[in-house]
C-alpha cells in the first residue's frame, strides 16, 4: 500500500502501521527497506495522532446543559 498517508482513513493508516511494525519486528526486511518502512511508519503514526486529537477535540466540543445532557456543540478552536 503506497497511497499518500493523508488520503488514508484512520483505520487504513492504522492497519498499514501495524503491518509495518510486524515486518520490522520480524527483522525480515533489508536495512534500506527497514529505514523506508520506519519513515513511512513515523508519518502514519503522526497522521493517526493528529486524527485522534481532532476527534477528541470534536468530542470535547459537545456542550452540556445544566442537567448534564448534551445540549449542542460549540465551535472548535483548533489553535
C-alpha atoms as a PDB file:
ATOM      1  CA  UNK A   1       0.000   0.000   0.000  1.00  0.00           C
ATOM      2  CA  UNK A   2       1.663   3.188  -1.191  1.00  0.00           C
ATOM      3  CA  UNK A   3      -1.234   5.633  -1.008  1.00  0.00           C
ATOM      4  CA  UNK A   4      -0.408   9.092   0.252  1.00  0.00           C
ATOM      5  CA  UNK A   5      -0.881   8.961   4.032  1.00  0.00           C
ATOM      6  CA  UNK A   6      -3.175  11.997   4.122  1.00  0.00           C
ATOM      7  CA  UNK A   7      -5.625  10.235   1.769  1.00  0.00           C
ATOM      8  CA  UNK A   8      -5.933   7.182   4.027  1.00  0.00           C
ATOM      9  CA  UNK A   9      -8.710   6.759   6.526  1.00  0.00           C
ATOM     10  CA  UNK A  10      -7.661   6.467  10.158  1.00  0.00           C
ATOM     11  CA  UNK A  11      -8.408   2.744  10.060  1.00  0.00           C
ATOM     12  CA  UNK A  12      -6.387   2.182   6.866  1.00  0.00           C
ATOM     13  CA  UNK A  13      -3.454   4.186   8.224  1.00  0.00           C
ATOM     14  CA  UNK A  14      -3.516   2.231  11.486  1.00  0.00           C
ATOM     15  CA  UNK A  15      -3.696  -1.080   9.625  1.00  0.00           C
ATOM     16  CA  UNK A  16      -0.699  -0.132   7.453  1.00  0.00           C
ATOM     17  CA  UNK A  17       1.206   0.991  10.544  1.00  0.00           C
ATOM     18  CA  UNK A  18       0.529  -2.378  12.186  1.00  0.00           C
ATOM     19  CA  UNK A  19       1.799  -4.158   9.053  1.00  0.00           C
ATOM     20  CA  UNK A  20       4.987  -2.103   9.130  1.00  0.00           C
ATOM     21  CA  UNK A  21       5.549  -2.878  12.810  1.00  0.00           C
ATOM     22  CA  UNK A  22       5.143  -6.614  12.155  1.00  0.00           C
ATOM     23  CA  UNK A  23       7.683  -6.547   9.303  1.00  0.00           C
ATOM     24  CA  UNK A  24      10.180  -4.543  11.343  1.00  0.00           C
ATOM     25  CA  UNK A  25       9.741  -6.738  14.431  1.00  0.00           C
ATOM     26  CA  UNK A  26      10.409  -9.882  12.400  1.00  0.00           C
ATOM     27  CA  UNK A  27      13.610  -8.321  11.063  1.00  0.00           C
ATOM     28  CA  UNK A  28      12.973  -9.735   7.604  1.00  0.00           C
ATOM     29  CA  UNK A  29      13.498  -6.524   5.621  1.00  0.00           C
ATOM     30  CA  UNK A  30      16.915  -5.433   4.375  1.00  0.00           C
ATOM     31  CA  UNK A  31      18.378  -2.334   6.024  1.00  0.00           C
ATOM     32  CA  UNK A  32      17.382   0.149   3.309  1.00  0.00           C
ATOM     33  CA  UNK A  33      13.819  -1.171   3.228  1.00  0.00           C
ATOM     34  CA  UNK A  34      13.685  -1.117   7.032  1.00  0.00           C
ATOM     35  CA  UNK A  35      14.652   2.551   7.024  1.00  0.00           C
ATOM     36  CA  UNK A  36      11.994   3.346   4.418  1.00  0.00           C
ATOM     37  CA  UNK A  37       9.396   1.394   6.390  1.00  0.00           C
ATOM     38  CA  UNK A  38      10.381   3.171   9.606  1.00  0.00           C
ATOM     39  CA  UNK A  39       9.965   6.569   7.916  1.00  0.00           C
ATOM     40  CA  UNK A  40       6.587   5.570   6.484  1.00  0.00           C
ATOM     41  CA  UNK A  41       5.543   4.283   9.900  1.00  0.00           C
ATOM     42  CA  UNK A  42       6.559   7.544  11.528  1.00  0.00           C
ATOM     43  CA  UNK A  43       4.422   9.521   9.053  1.00  0.00           C
ATOM     44  CA  UNK A  44       1.481   7.201   9.660  1.00  0.00           C
ATOM     45  CA  UNK A  45       1.901   7.430  13.438  1.00  0.00           C
ATOM     46  CA  UNK A  46       1.796  11.233  13.268  1.00  0.00           C
ATOM     47  CA  UNK A  47      -1.244  11.114  10.976  1.00  0.00           C
ATOM     48  CA  UNK A  48      -3.103   8.803  13.363  1.00  0.00           C
ATOM     49  CA  UNK A  49      -2.206  11.001  16.336  1.00  0.00           C
ATOM     50  CA  UNK A  50      -3.482  14.107  14.513  1.00  0.00           C
ATOM     51  CA  UNK A  51      -6.743  12.405  13.584  1.00  0.00           C
ATOM     52  CA  UNK A  52      -7.262  11.157  17.144  1.00  0.00           C
ATOM     53  CA  UNK A  53      -6.529  14.617  18.538  1.00  0.00           C
ATOM     54  CA  UNK A  54      -9.039  16.132  16.111  1.00  0.00           C
ATOM     55  CA  UNK A  55     -11.685  13.572  17.047  1.00  0.00           C
ATOM     56  CA  UNK A  56     -11.067  14.202  20.739  1.00  0.00           C
ATOM     57  CA  UNK A  57     -11.447  17.944  20.220  1.00  0.00           C
ATOM     58  CA  UNK A  58     -14.759  17.431  18.432  1.00  0.00           C
ATOM     59  CA  UNK A  59     -15.997  15.227  21.260  1.00  0.00           C
ATOM     60  CA  UNK A  60     -14.871  17.718  23.886  1.00  0.00           C
ATOM     61  CA  UNK A  61     -16.704  20.473  21.998  1.00  0.00           C
ATOM     62  CA  UNK A  62     -20.079  18.931  22.811  1.00  0.00           C
ATOM     63  CA  UNK A  63     -21.818  21.356  25.143  1.00  0.00           C
ATOM     64  CA  UNK A  64     -23.678  20.010  28.165  1.00  0.00           C
ATOM     65  CA  UNK A  65     -26.698  21.669  29.721  1.00  0.00           C
ATOM     66  CA  UNK A  66     -27.351  22.132  33.454  1.00  0.00           C
ATOM     67  CA  UNK A  67     -28.985  18.699  33.582  1.00  0.00           C
ATOM     68  CA  UNK A  68     -25.809  17.046  32.279  1.00  0.00           C
ATOM     69  CA  UNK A  69     -27.381  16.170  28.953  1.00  0.00           C
ATOM     70  CA  UNK A  70     -25.806  17.212  25.631  1.00  0.00           C
ATOM     71  CA  UNK A  71     -27.355  20.482  24.558  1.00  0.00           C
ATOM     72  CA  UNK A  72     -25.460  21.097  21.332  1.00  0.00           C
ATOM     73  CA  UNK A  73     -21.940  21.775  20.262  1.00  0.00           C
ATOM     74  CA  UNK A  74     -19.562  24.665  20.478  1.00  0.00           C
ATOM     75  CA  UNK A  75     -17.212  25.623  17.652  1.00  0.00           C
ATOM     76  CA  UNK A  76     -13.784  24.021  17.932  1.00  0.00           C
ATOM     77  CA  UNK A  77     -10.913  26.486  18.048  1.00  0.00           C
ATOM     78  CA  UNK A  78      -8.050  24.435  16.619  1.00  0.00           C
ATOM     79  CA  UNK A  79      -5.334  26.841  17.696  1.00  0.00           C
END
